[in-house]
Amino acid sequence: MKKKFMYAPFNADITISNDYVFPAPDADIRIITTPGHSADSISLIVDNEVAIVGDAMFGIFRNQVFPPFADDIPEMIRSWGKLLDTGCTTFLPGHGRAISRELLEKEYGIFSKTV
């Protein structure tokens, strides 16, 4: 890949294999594993209200949250359930608009029946 993209591969400074409480004095911030899009996907949960979910969801397509691809679709659907368990009402994907809890619940309800 270095020749194609002109950058050297990196080694992670910190890896997360389990949920992690981030020490922040003014907020409750947790990092949770949300594999599926890729095996090492994580999400940040802020005050159990907002989840920064990266590519676990996409806010590009109207009334859909499914990303264009996922390494492990059943695992991604389980991660959506884990995100719903947080109580968050807003999910911020890496691409597109914010996703409401109602939309995620609808999509989870549809896709969880297939896995």
PDB file of N, CA and C in Angstrom:
ATOM      1  N   MET A   1       0.813  -1.203   0.000  1.00  0.00           N
ATOM      2  CA  MET A   1       0.000   0.000   0.000  1.00  0.00           C
ATOM      3  C   MET A   1       0.853   1.263   0.000  1.00  0.00           C
ATOM      4  N   LYS A   2       2.054   1.169   0.541  1.00  0.00           N
ATOM      5  CA  LYS A   2       2.892   2.355   0.621  1.00  0.00           C
ATOM      6  C   LYS A   2       3.141   2.941  -0.767  1.00  0.00           C
ATOM      7  N   LYS A   3       3.397   2.100  -1.753  1.00  0.00           N
ATOM      8  CA  LYS A   3       3.655   2.590  -3.100  1.00  0.00           C
ATOM      9  C   LYS A   3       2.404   3.238  -3.696  1.00  0.00           C
ATOM     10  N   LYS A   4       1.257   2.645  -3.455  1.00  0.00           N
ATOM     11  CA  LYS A   4       0.020   3.156  -4.042  1.00  0.00           C
ATOM     12  C   LYS A   4      -0.430   4.465  -3.400  1.00  0.00           C
ATOM     13  N   PHE A   5      -0.384   4.548  -2.079  1.00  0.00           N
ATOM     14  CA  PHE A   5      -0.911   5.714  -1.374  1.00  0.00           C
ATOM     15  C   PHE A   5       0.170   6.649  -0.839  1.00  0.00           C
ATOM     16  N   MET A   6       1.422   6.259  -0.934  1.00  0.00           N
ATOM     17  CA  MET A   6       2.541   7.112  -0.557  1.00  0.00           C
ATOM     18  C   MET A   6       2.632   7.389   0.946  1.00  0.00           C
ATOM     19  N   TYR A   7       2.184   6.470   1.762  1.00  0.00           N
ATOM     20  CA  TYR A   7       2.367   6.636   3.200  1.00  0.00           C
ATOM     21  C   TYR A   7       2.723   5.291   3.816  1.00  0.00           C
ATOM     22  N   ALA A   8       3.448   5.357   4.894  1.00  0.00           N
ATOM     23  CA  ALA A   8       3.865   4.138   5.578  1.00  0.00           C
ATOM     24  C   ALA A   8       2.739   3.632   6.478  1.00  0.00           C
ATOM     25  N   PRO A   9       2.592   2.323   6.610  1.00  0.00           N
ATOM     26  CA  PRO A   9       1.584   1.798   7.532  1.00  0.00           C
ATOM     27  C   PRO A   9       1.917   2.209   8.962  1.00  0.00           C
ATOM     28  N   PHE A  10       0.923   2.239   9.807  1.00  0.00           N
ATOM     29  CA  PHE A  10       1.142   2.664  11.186  1.00  0.00           C
ATOM     30  C   PHE A  10       0.901   1.517  12.146  1.00  0.00           C
ATOM     31  N   ASN A  11       1.420   1.670  13.325  1.00  0.00           N
ATOM     32  CA  ASN A  11       1.143   0.777  14.437  1.00  0.00           C
ATOM     33  C   ASN A  11       0.383   1.577  15.472  1.00  0.00           C
ATOM     34  N   ALA A  12      -0.701   1.025  15.950  1.00  0.00           N
ATOM     35  CA  ALA A  12      -1.532   1.721  16.933  1.00  0.00           C
ATOM     36  C   ALA A  12      -0.759   1.939  18.231  1.00  0.00           C
ATOM     37  N   ASP A  13      -0.917   3.129  18.815  1.00  0.00           N
ATOM     38  CA  ASP A  13      -0.316   3.431  20.115  1.00  0.00           C
ATOM     39  C   ASP A  13      -1.082   2.743  21.232  1.00  0.00           C
ATOM     40  N   ILE A  14      -2.396   2.736  21.085  1.00  0.00           N
ATOM     41  CA  ILE A  14      -3.278   2.153  22.099  1.00  0.00           C
ATOM     42  C   ILE A  14      -4.284   1.270  21.379  1.00  0.00           C
ATOM     43  N   THR A  15      -4.507   0.094  21.902  1.00  0.00           N
ATOM     44  CA  THR A  15      -5.553  -0.759  21.360  1.00  0.00           C
ATOM     45  C   THR A  15      -6.593  -1.005  22.444  1.00  0.00           C
ATOM     46  N   ILE A  16      -7.812  -1.172  22.018  1.00  0.00           N
ATOM     47  CA  ILE A  16      -8.925  -1.384  22.951  1.00  0.00           C
ATOM     48  C   ILE A  16      -9.552  -2.732  22.602  1.00  0.00           C
ATOM     49  N   SER A  17      -9.587  -3.643  23.535  1.00  0.00           N
ATOM     50  CA  SER A  17     -10.221  -4.937  23.272  1.00  0.00           C
ATOM     51  C   SER A  17     -11.498  -5.100  24.098  1.00  0.00           C
ATOM     52  N   ASN A  18     -11.660  -4.267  25.098  1.00  0.00           N
ATOM     53  CA  ASN A  18     -12.859  -4.257  25.936  1.00  0.00           C
ATOM     54  C   ASN A  18     -13.319  -2.814  26.088  1.00  0.00           C
ATOM     55  N   ASP A  19     -14.511  -2.638  26.593  1.00  0.00           N
ATOM     56  CA  ASP A  19     -14.997  -1.285  26.823  1.00  0.00           C
ATOM     57  C   ASP A  19     -14.063  -0.574  27.799  1.00  0.00           C
ATOM     58  N   TYR A  20     -13.963   0.739  27.624  1.00  0.00           N
ATOM     59  CA  TYR A  20     -12.990   1.520  28.378  1.00  0.00           C
ATOM     60  C   TYR A  20     -13.633   2.838  28.807  1.00  0.00           C
ATOM     61  N   VAL A  21     -13.532   3.169  30.084  1.00  0.00           N
ATOM     62  CA  VAL A  21     -14.024   4.452  30.588  1.00  0.00           C
ATOM     63  C   VAL A  21     -12.901   5.455  30.455  1.00  0.00           C
ATOM     64  N   PHE A  22     -13.173   6.516  29.723  1.00  0.00           N
ATOM     65  CA  PHE A  22     -12.182   7.556  29.466  1.00  0.00           C
ATOM     66  C   PHE A  22     -12.215   8.554  30.614  1.00  0.00           C
ATOM     67  N   PRO A  23     -11.098   8.813  31.263  1.00  0.00           N
ATOM     68  CA  PRO A  23     -11.116   9.743  32.386  1.00  0.00           C
ATOM     69  C   PRO A  23     -11.290  11.192  31.911  1.00  0.00           C
ATOM     70  N   ALA A  24     -12.478  11.715  32.126  1.00  0.00           N
ATOM     71  CA  ALA A  24     -12.768  13.106  31.757  1.00  0.00           C
ATOM     72  C   ALA A  24     -13.476  13.751  32.945  1.00  0.00           C
ATOM     73  N   PRO A  25     -13.021  14.906  33.407  1.00  0.00           N
ATOM     74  CA  PRO A  25     -13.588  15.504  34.616  1.00  0.00           C
ATOM     75  C   PRO A  25     -15.017  16.016  34.454  1.00  0.00           C
ATOM     76  N   ASP A  26     -15.419  16.440  33.268  1.00  0.00           N
ATOM     77  CA  ASP A  26     -16.722  17.083  33.107  1.00  0.00           C
ATOM     78  C   ASP A  26     -17.713  16.289  32.274  1.00  0.00           C
ATOM     79  N   ALA A  27     -17.396  15.047  31.940  1.00  0.00           N
ATOM     80  CA  ALA A  27     -18.293  14.259  31.108  1.00  0.00           C
ATOM     81  C   ALA A  27     -18.077  12.777  31.374  1.00  0.00           C
ATOM     82  N   ASP A  28     -19.106  12.006  31.089  1.00  0.00           N
ATOM     83  CA  ASP A  28     -19.012  10.558  31.164  1.00  0.00           C
ATOM     84  C   ASP A  28     -18.728  10.078  29.746  1.00  0.00           C
ATOM     85  N   ILE A  29     -17.488   9.692  29.470  1.00  0.00           N
ATOM     86  CA  ILE A  29     -17.095   9.264  28.135  1.00  0.00           C
ATOM     87  C   ILE A  29     -16.587   7.833  28.217  1.00  0.00           C
ATOM     88  N   ARG A  30     -17.184   6.988  27.394  1.00  0.00           N
ATOM     89  CA  ARG A  30     -16.761   5.589  27.326  1.00  0.00           C
ATOM     90  C   ARG A  30     -16.410   5.251  25.881  1.00  0.00           C
ATOM     91  N   ILE A  31     -15.464   4.380  25.725  1.00  0.00           N
ATOM     92  CA  ILE A  31     -15.138   3.822  24.416  1.00  0.00           C
ATOM     93  C   ILE A  31     -15.620   2.380  24.448  1.00  0.00           C
ATOM     94  N   ILE A  32     -16.444   2.028  23.463  1.00  0.00           N
ATOM     95  CA  ILE A  32     -16.926   0.652  23.391  1.00  0.00           C
ATOM     96  C   ILE A  32     -16.527   0.046  22.050  1.00  0.00           C
ATOM     97  N   THR A  33     -16.295  -1.235  22.058  1.00  0.00           N
ATOM     98  CA  THR A  33     -15.991  -1.926  20.819  1.00  0.00           C
ATOM     99  C   THR A  33     -17.292  -2.125  20.045  1.00  0.00           C
ATOM    100  N   THR A  34     -17.263  -1.800  18.760  1.00  0.00           N
ATOM    101  CA  THR A  34     -18.432  -1.975  17.895  1.00  0.00           C
ATOM    102  C   THR A  34     -17.985  -2.576  16.563  1.00  0.00           C
ATOM    103  N   PRO A  35     -17.494  -3.811  16.605  1.00  0.00           N
ATOM    104  CA  PRO A  35     -16.992  -4.439  15.385  1.00  0.00           C
ATOM    105  C   PRO A  35     -18.109  -4.725  14.386  1.00  0.00           C
ATOM    106  N   GLY A  36     -17.700  -4.942  13.176  1.00  0.00           N
ATOM    107  CA  GLY A  36     -18.640  -5.270  12.110  1.00  0.00           C
ATOM    108  C   GLY A  36     -18.221  -4.618  10.818  1.00  0.00           C
ATOM    109  N   HIS A  37     -18.198  -3.291  10.818  1.00  0.00           N
ATOM    110  CA  HIS A  37     -17.681  -2.610   9.627  1.00  0.00           C
ATOM    111  C   HIS A  37     -16.241  -3.071   9.416  1.00  0.00           C
ATOM    112  N   SER A  38     -15.494  -3.064  10.505  1.00  0.00           N
ATOM    113  CA  SER A  38     -14.173  -3.683  10.547  1.00  0.00           C
ATOM    114  C   SER A  38     -14.028  -4.307  11.929  1.00  0.00           C
ATOM    115  N   ALA A  39     -13.095  -5.206  12.061  1.00  0.00           N
ATOM    116  CA  ALA A  39     -12.933  -5.937  13.327  1.00  0.00           C
ATOM    117  C   ALA A  39     -12.538  -5.034  14.485  1.00  0.00           C
ATOM    118  N   ASP A  40     -11.882  -3.913  14.184  1.00  0.00           N
ATOM    119  CA  ASP A  40     -11.375  -3.042  15.245  1.00  0.00           C
ATOM    120  C   ASP A  40     -12.185  -1.762  15.429  1.00  0.00           C
ATOM    121  N   SER A  41     -13.421  -1.747  14.948  1.00  0.00           N
ATOM    122  CA  SER A  41     -14.255  -0.540  15.076  1.00  0.00           C
ATOM    123  C   SER A  41     -14.589  -0.261  16.539  1.00  0.00           C
ATOM    124  N   ILE A  42     -14.592   1.023  16.879  1.00  0.00           N
ATOM    125  CA  ILE A  42     -14.977   1.471  18.216  1.00  0.00           C
ATOM    126  C   ILE A  42     -15.957   2.628  18.078  1.00  0.00           C
ATOM    127  N   SER A  43     -16.657   2.915  19.165  1.00  0.00           N
ATOM    128  CA  SER A  43     -17.545   4.073  19.239  1.00  0.00           C
ATOM    129  C   SER A  43     -17.311   4.774  20.561  1.00  0.00           C
ATOM    130  N   LEU A  44     -17.494   6.083  20.572  1.00  0.00           N
ATOM    131  CA  LEU A  44     -17.384   6.875  21.792  1.00  0.00           C
ATOM    132  C   LEU A  44     -18.789   7.225  22.262  1.00  0.00           C
ATOM    133  N   ILE A  45     -19.049   6.976  23.529  1.00  0.00           N
ATOM    134  CA  ILE A  45     -20.345   7.253  24.130  1.00  0.00           C
ATOM    135  C   ILE A  45     -20.161   8.431  25.081  1.00  0.00           C
ATOM    136  N   VAL A  46     -20.903   9.503  24.851  1.00  0.00           N
ATOM    137  CA  VAL A  46     -20.770  10.717  25.659  1.00  0.00           C
ATOM    138  C   VAL A  46     -22.053  10.926  26.451  1.00  0.00           C
ATOM    139  N   ASP A  47     -21.928  10.839  27.769  1.00  0.00           N
ATOM    140  CA  ASP A  47     -23.038  11.062  28.699  1.00  0.00           C
ATOM    141  C   ASP A  47     -24.272  10.222  28.378  1.00  0.00           C
ATOM    142  N   ASN A  48     -24.089   9.065  27.784  1.00  0.00           N
ATOM    143  CA  ASN A  48     -25.202   8.190  27.383  1.00  0.00           C
ATOM    144  C   ASN A  48     -26.266   8.938  26.587  1.00  0.00           C
ATOM    145  N   GLU A  49     -25.842   9.970  25.856  1.00  0.00           N
ATOM    146  CA  GLU A  49     -26.760  10.750  25.023  1.00  0.00           C
ATOM    147  C   GLU A  49     -26.341  10.737  23.566  1.00  0.00           C
ATOM    148  N   VAL A  50     -25.034  10.867  23.326  1.00  0.00           N
ATOM    149  CA  VAL A  50     -24.508  10.958  21.965  1.00  0.00           C
ATOM    150  C   VAL A  50     -23.464   9.870  21.777  1.00  0.00           C
ATOM    151  N   ALA A  51     -23.553   9.189  20.640  1.00  0.00           N
ATOM    152  CA  ALA A  51     -22.551   8.175  20.292  1.00  0.00           C
ATOM    153  C   ALA A  51     -21.863   8.597  18.998  1.00  0.00           C
ATOM    154  N   ILE A  52     -20.555   8.647  19.032  1.00  0.00           N
ATOM    155  CA  ILE A  52     -19.765   8.906  17.834  1.00  0.00           C
ATOM    156  C   ILE A  52     -19.385   7.526  17.306  1.00  0.00           C
ATOM    157  N   VAL A  53     -20.007   7.122  16.189  1.00  0.00           N
ATOM    158  CA  VAL A  53     -19.959   5.727  15.764  1.00  0.00           C
ATOM    159  C   VAL A  53     -19.080   5.442  14.550  1.00  0.00           C
ATOM    160  N   GLY A  54     -18.459   6.448  13.978  1.00  0.00           N
ATOM    161  CA  GLY A  54     -17.595   6.208  12.820  1.00  0.00           C
ATOM    162  C   GLY A  54     -18.339   5.545  11.683  1.00  0.00           C
ATOM    163  N   ASP A  55     -17.794   4.437  11.180  1.00  0.00           N
ATOM    164  CA  ASP A  55     -18.389   3.758  10.029  1.00  0.00           C
ATOM    165  C   ASP A  55     -19.316   2.608  10.414  1.00  0.00           C
ATOM    166  N   ALA A  56     -19.687   2.490  11.688  1.00  0.00           N
ATOM    167  CA  ALA A  56     -20.652   1.471  12.089  1.00  0.00           C
ATOM    168  C   ALA A  56     -22.024   1.757  11.480  1.00  0.00           C
ATOM    169  N   MET A  57     -22.231   3.028  11.100  1.00  0.00           N
ATOM    170  CA  MET A  57     -23.460   3.454  10.429  1.00  0.00           C
ATOM    171  C   MET A  57     -23.101   4.528   9.427  1.00  0.00           C
ATOM    172  N   PHE A  58     -23.959   4.729   8.459  1.00  0.00           N
ATOM    173  CA  PHE A  58     -23.789   5.819   7.494  1.00  0.00           C
ATOM    174  C   PHE A  58     -25.037   6.672   7.497  1.00  0.00           C
ATOM    175  N   GLY A  59     -24.855   7.976   7.508  1.00  0.00           N
ATOM    176  CA  GLY A  59     -25.979   8.910   7.464  1.00  0.00           C
ATOM    177  C   GLY A  59     -26.134   9.545   6.090  1.00  0.00           C
ATOM    178  N   ILE A  60     -25.739   8.841   5.054  1.00  0.00           N
ATOM    179  CA  ILE A  60     -25.783   9.376   3.692  1.00  0.00           C
ATOM    180  C   ILE A  60     -27.141   9.112   3.043  1.00  0.00           C
ATOM    181  N   PHE A  61     -27.633   7.898   3.194  1.00  0.00           N
ATOM    182  CA  PHE A  61     -28.854   7.482   2.508  1.00  0.00           C
ATOM    183  C   PHE A  61     -30.068   7.738   3.392  1.00  0.00           C
ATOM    184  N   ARG A  62     -31.064   8.359   2.852  1.00  0.00           N
ATOM    185  CA  ARG A  62     -32.266   8.734   3.609  1.00  0.00           C
ATOM    186  C   ARG A  62     -32.941   7.495   4.205  1.00  0.00           C
ATOM    187  N   ASN A  63     -33.232   7.565   5.480  1.00  0.00           N
ATOM    188  CA  ASN A  63     -33.935   6.508   6.209  1.00  0.00           C
ATOM    189  C   ASN A  63     -33.211   5.165   6.206  1.00  0.00           C
ATOM    190  N   GLN A  64     -31.885   5.190   6.101  1.00  0.00           N
ATOM    191  CA  GLN A  64     -31.074   3.985   6.179  1.00  0.00           C
ATOM    192  C   GLN A  64     -29.807   4.300   6.974  1.00  0.00           C
ATOM    193  N   VAL A  65     -29.293   3.294   7.645  1.00  0.00           N
ATOM    194  CA  VAL A  65     -28.040   3.484   8.385  1.00  0.00           C
ATOM    195  C   VAL A  65     -26.955   2.507   7.945  1.00  0.00           C
ATOM    196  N   PHE A  66     -27.311   1.560   7.101  1.00  0.00           N
ATOM    197  CA  PHE A  66     -26.383   0.512   6.692  1.00  0.00           C
ATOM    198  C   PHE A  66     -25.226   1.104   5.890  1.00  0.00           C
ATOM    199  N   PRO A  67     -23.981   0.793   6.281  1.00  0.00           N
ATOM    200  CA  PRO A  67     -22.828   1.309   5.525  1.00  0.00           C
ATOM    201  C   PRO A  67     -22.703   0.604   4.178  1.00  0.00           C
ATOM    202  N   PRO A  68     -21.927   1.182   3.254  1.00  0.00           N
ATOM    203  CA  PRO A  68     -21.768   0.565   1.940  1.00  0.00           C
ATOM    204  C   PRO A  68     -21.133  -0.822   1.992  1.00  0.00           C
ATOM    205  N   PHE A  69     -20.352  -1.111   3.018  1.00  0.00           N
ATOM    206  CA  PHE A  69     -19.806  -2.454   3.179  1.00  0.00           C
ATOM    207  C   PHE A  69     -19.534  -2.711   4.643  1.00  0.00           C
ATOM    208  N   ALA A  70     -19.458  -3.987   4.972  1.00  0.00           N
ATOM    209  CA  ALA A  70     -19.111  -4.411   6.333  1.00  0.00           C
ATOM    210  C   ALA A  70     -18.343  -5.720   6.235  1.00  0.00           C
ATOM    211  N   ASP A  71     -17.287  -5.831   7.018  1.00  0.00           N
ATOM    212  CA  ASP A  71     -16.508  -7.071   7.040  1.00  0.00           C
ATOM    213  C   ASP A  71     -17.317  -8.222   7.630  1.00  0.00           C
ATOM    214  N   ASP A  72     -18.174  -7.920   8.615  1.00  0.00           N
ATOM    215  CA  ASP A  72     -18.936  -8.958   9.307  1.00  0.00           C
ATOM    216  C   ASP A  72     -20.324  -8.391   9.639  1.00  0.00           C
ATOM    217  N   ILE A  73     -21.279  -8.634   8.764  1.00  0.00           N
ATOM    218  CA  ILE A  73     -22.611  -8.039   8.922  1.00  0.00           C
ATOM    219  C   ILE A  73     -23.297  -8.477  10.218  1.00  0.00           C
ATOM    220  N   PRO A  74     -23.334  -9.769  10.559  1.00  0.00           N
ATOM    221  CA  PRO A  74     -23.972 -10.137  11.832  1.00  0.00           C
ATOM    222  C   PRO A  74     -23.338  -9.435  13.037  1.00  0.00           C
ATOM    223  N   GLU A  75     -22.015  -9.304  13.029  1.00  0.00           N
ATOM    224  CA  GLU A  75     -21.336  -8.617  14.132  1.00  0.00           C
ATOM    225  C   GLU A  75     -21.712  -7.139  14.163  1.00  0.00           C
ATOM    226  N   MET A  76     -21.847  -6.524  12.994  1.00  0.00           N
ATOM    227  CA  MET A  76     -22.236  -5.116  12.931  1.00  0.00           C
ATOM    228  C   MET A  76     -23.648  -4.922  13.493  1.00  0.00           C
ATOM    229  N   ILE A  77     -24.552  -5.829  13.171  1.00  0.00           N
ATOM    230  CA  ILE A  77     -25.925  -5.740  13.692  1.00  0.00           C
ATOM    231  C   ILE A  77     -25.900  -5.881  15.224  1.00  0.00           C
ATOM    232  N   ARG A  78     -25.087  -6.783  15.741  1.00  0.00           N
ATOM    233  CA  ARG A  78     -24.962  -6.908  17.209  1.00  0.00           C
ATOM    234  C   ARG A  78     -24.403  -5.617  17.813  1.00  0.00           C
ATOM    235  N   SER A  79     -23.484  -4.977  17.106  1.00  0.00           N
ATOM    236  CA  SER A  79     -22.932  -3.704  17.591  1.00  0.00           C
ATOM    237  C   SER A  79     -24.009  -2.626  17.628  1.00  0.00           C
ATOM    238  N   TRP A  80     -24.914  -2.632  16.650  1.00  0.00           N
ATOM    239  CA  TRP A  80     -26.036  -1.676  16.698  1.00  0.00           C
ATOM    240  C   TRP A  80     -26.861  -1.905  17.955  1.00  0.00           C
ATOM    241  N   GLY A  81     -27.100  -3.173  18.306  1.00  0.00           N
ATOM    242  CA  GLY A  81     -27.834  -3.483  19.536  1.00  0.00           C
ATOM    243  C   GLY A  81     -27.094  -2.984  20.765  1.00  0.00           C
ATOM    244  N   LYS A  82     -25.785  -3.143  20.763  1.00  0.00           N
ATOM    245  CA  LYS A  82     -24.964  -2.650  21.878  1.00  0.00           C
ATOM    246  C   LYS A  82     -25.072  -1.133  21.980  1.00  0.00           C
ATOM    247  N   LEU A  83     -25.080  -0.451  20.839  1.00  0.00           N
ATOM    248  CA  LEU A  83     -25.224   1.011  20.837  1.00  0.00           C
ATOM    249  C   LEU A  83     -26.597   1.414  21.349  1.00  0.00           C
ATOM    250  N   LEU A  84     -27.632   0.691  20.984  1.00  0.00           N
ATOM    251  CA  LEU A  84     -28.978   0.995  21.495  1.00  0.00           C
ATOM    252  C   LEU A  84     -29.036   0.786  23.011  1.00  0.00           C
ATOM    253  N   ASP A  85     -28.309  -0.203  23.519  1.00  0.00           N
ATOM    254  CA  ASP A  85     -28.282  -0.466  24.964  1.00  0.00           C
ATOM    255  C   ASP A  85     -27.689   0.694  25.761  1.00  0.00           C
ATOM    256  N   THR A  86     -26.943   1.584  25.109  1.00  0.00           N
ATOM    257  CA  THR A  86     -26.337   2.710  25.823  1.00  0.00           C
ATOM    258  C   THR A  86     -27.365   3.754  26.241  1.00  0.00           C
ATOM    259  N   GLY A  87     -28.511   3.773  25.573  1.00  0.00           N
ATOM    260  CA  GLY A  87     -29.508   4.803  25.851  1.00  0.00           C
ATOM    261  C   GLY A  87     -29.312   6.073  25.036  1.00  0.00           C
ATOM    262  N   CYS A  88     -28.282   6.122  24.209  1.00  0.00           N
ATOM    263  CA  CYS A  88     -28.038   7.311  23.392  1.00  0.00           C
ATOM    264  C   CYS A  88     -29.232   7.609  22.489  1.00  0.00           C
ATOM    265  N   THR A  89     -29.435   8.894  22.237  1.00  0.00           N
ATOM    266  CA  THR A  89     -30.530   9.316  21.362  1.00  0.00           C
ATOM    267  C   THR A  89     -30.036   9.821  20.014  1.00  0.00           C
ATOM    268  N   THR A  90     -28.750  10.129  19.923  1.00  0.00           N
ATOM    269  CA  THR A  90     -28.166  10.641  18.689  1.00  0.00           C
ATOM    270  C   THR A  90     -26.887   9.866  18.391  1.00  0.00           C
ATOM    271  N   PHE A  91     -26.754   9.462  17.120  1.00  0.00           N
ATOM    272  CA  PHE A  91     -25.599   8.687  16.675  1.00  0.00           C
ATOM    273  C   PHE A  91     -24.935   9.459  15.545  1.00  0.00           C
ATOM    274  N   LEU A  92     -23.660   9.764  15.723  1.00  0.00           N
ATOM    275  CA  LEU A  92     -22.923  10.564  14.752  1.00  0.00           C
ATOM    276  C   LEU A  92     -21.993   9.663  13.941  1.00  0.00           C
ATOM    277  N   PRO A  93     -22.359   9.413  12.687  1.00  0.00           N
ATOM    278  CA  PRO A  93     -21.513   8.564  11.845  1.00  0.00           C
ATOM    279  C   PRO A  93     -20.337   9.343  11.275  1.00  0.00           C
ATOM    280  N   GLY A  94     -19.396   8.617  10.703  1.00  0.00           N
ATOM    281  CA  GLY A  94     -18.248   9.244  10.064  1.00  0.00           C
ATOM    282  C   GLY A  94     -18.612   9.923   8.752  1.00  0.00           C
ATOM    283  N   HIS A  95     -19.775   9.578   8.197  1.00  0.00           N
ATOM    284  CA  HIS A  95     -20.212  10.133   6.913  1.00  0.00           C
ATOM    285  C   HIS A  95     -21.696  10.458   6.987  1.00  0.00           C
ATOM    286  N   GLY A  96     -22.053  11.662   6.577  1.00  0.00           N
ATOM    287  CA  GLY A  96     -23.466  12.022   6.487  1.00  0.00           C
ATOM    288  C   GLY A  96     -24.004  12.675   7.738  1.00  0.00           C
ATOM    289  N   ARG A  97     -25.325  12.685   7.810  1.00  0.00           N
ATOM    290  CA  ARG A  97     -26.036  13.385   8.886  1.00  0.00           C
ATOM    291  C   ARG A  97     -26.180  12.523  10.132  1.00  0.00           C
ATOM    292  N   ALA A  98     -26.529  13.170  11.221  1.00  0.00           N
ATOM    293  CA  ALA A  98     -26.780  12.467  12.484  1.00  0.00           C
ATOM    294  C   ALA A  98     -27.939  11.493  12.301  1.00  0.00           C
ATOM    295  N   ILE A  99     -27.891  10.411  13.050  1.00  0.00           N
ATOM    296  CA  ILE A  99     -28.914   9.367  12.994  1.00  0.00           C
ATOM    297  C   ILE A  99     -29.669   9.361  14.311  1.00  0.00           C
ATOM    298  N   SER A 100     -30.985   9.376  14.218  1.00  0.00           N
ATOM    299  CA  SER A 100     -31.816   9.379  15.426  1.00  0.00           C
ATOM    300  C   SER A 100     -31.933   7.963  15.992  1.00  0.00           C
ATOM    301  N   ARG A 101     -32.244   7.900  17.263  1.00  0.00           N
ATOM    302  CA  ARG A 101     -32.478   6.608  17.915  1.00  0.00           C
ATOM    303  C   ARG A 101     -33.622   5.869  17.231  1.00  0.00           C
ATOM    304  N   GLU A 102     -34.662   6.589  16.865  1.00  0.00           N
ATOM    305  CA  GLU A 102     -35.822   5.972  16.232  1.00  0.00           C
ATOM    306  C   GLU A 102     -35.437   5.277  14.921  1.00  0.00           C
ATOM    307  N   LEU A 103     -34.609   5.936  14.114  1.00  0.00           N
ATOM    308  CA  LEU A 103     -34.186   5.324  12.856  1.00  0.00           C
ATOM    309  C   LEU A 103     -33.316   4.100  13.120  1.00  0.00           C
ATOM    310  N   LEU A 104     -32.391   4.189  14.069  1.00  0.00           N
ATOM    311  CA  LEU A 104     -31.556   3.039  14.376  1.00  0.00           C
ATOM    312  C   LEU A 104     -32.403   1.883  14.906  1.00  0.00           C
ATOM    313  N   GLU A 105     -33.371   2.161  15.761  1.00  0.00           N
ATOM    314  CA  GLU A 105     -34.253   1.103  16.264  1.00  0.00           C
ATOM    315  C   GLU A 105     -34.995   0.419  15.117  1.00  0.00           C
ATOM    316  N   LYS A 106     -35.468   1.202  14.162  1.00  0.00           N
ATOM    317  CA  LYS A 106     -36.182   0.651  13.006  1.00  0.00           C
ATOM    318  C   LYS A 106     -35.259  -0.256  12.194  1.00  0.00           C
ATOM    319  N   GLU A 107     -34.077   0.237  11.861  1.00  0.00           N
ATOM    320  CA  GLU A 107     -33.124  -0.539  11.068  1.00  0.00           C
ATOM    321  C   GLU A 107     -32.661  -1.788  11.824  1.00  0.00           C
ATOM    322  N   TYR A 108     -32.416  -1.645  13.119  1.00  0.00           N
ATOM    323  CA  TYR A 108     -32.002  -2.787  13.935  1.00  0.00           C
ATOM    324  C   TYR A 108     -33.101  -3.849  13.929  1.00  0.00           C
ATOM    325  N   GLY A 109     -34.339  -3.403  14.070  1.00  0.00           N
ATOM    326  CA  GLY A 109     -35.465  -4.326  14.055  1.00  0.00           C
ATOM    327  C   GLY A 109     -35.540  -5.118  12.753  1.00  0.00           C
ATOM    328  N   ILE A 110     -35.259  -4.470  11.651  1.00  0.00           N
ATOM    329  CA  ILE A 110     -35.298  -5.142  10.352  1.00  0.00           C
ATOM    330  C   ILE A 110     -34.128  -6.109  10.202  1.00  0.00           C
ATOM    331  N   PHE A 111     -32.910  -5.624  10.430  1.00  0.00           N
ATOM    332  CA  PHE A 111     -31.724  -6.423  10.157  1.00  0.00           C
ATOM    333  C   PHE A 111     -31.452  -7.490  11.207  1.00  0.00           C
ATOM    334  N   SER A 112     -31.877  -7.283  12.458  1.00  0.00           N
ATOM    335  CA  SER A 112     -31.598  -8.291  13.496  1.00  0.00           C
ATOM    336  C   SER A 112     -32.380  -9.585  13.234  1.00  0.00           C
ATOM    337  N   LYS A 113     -33.437  -9.509  12.455  1.00  0.00           N
ATOM    338  CA  LYS A 113     -34.196 -10.720  12.119  1.00  0.00           C
ATOM    339  C   LYS A 113     -33.476 -11.578  11.092  1.00  0.00           C
ATOM    340  N   THR A 114     -32.498 -10.994  10.403  1.00  0.00           N
ATOM    341  CA  THR A 114     -31.797 -11.721   9.341  1.00  0.00           C
ATOM    342  C   THR A 114     -30.517 -12.396   9.826  1.00  0.00           C
ATOM    343  N   VAL A 115     -30.097 -12.092  11.058  1.00  0.00           N
ATOM    344  CA  VAL A 115     -28.835 -12.688  11.556  1.00  0.00           C
ATOM    345  C   VAL A 115     -29.080 -13.699  12.643  1.00  0.00           C
TER     346      VAL A 115
END
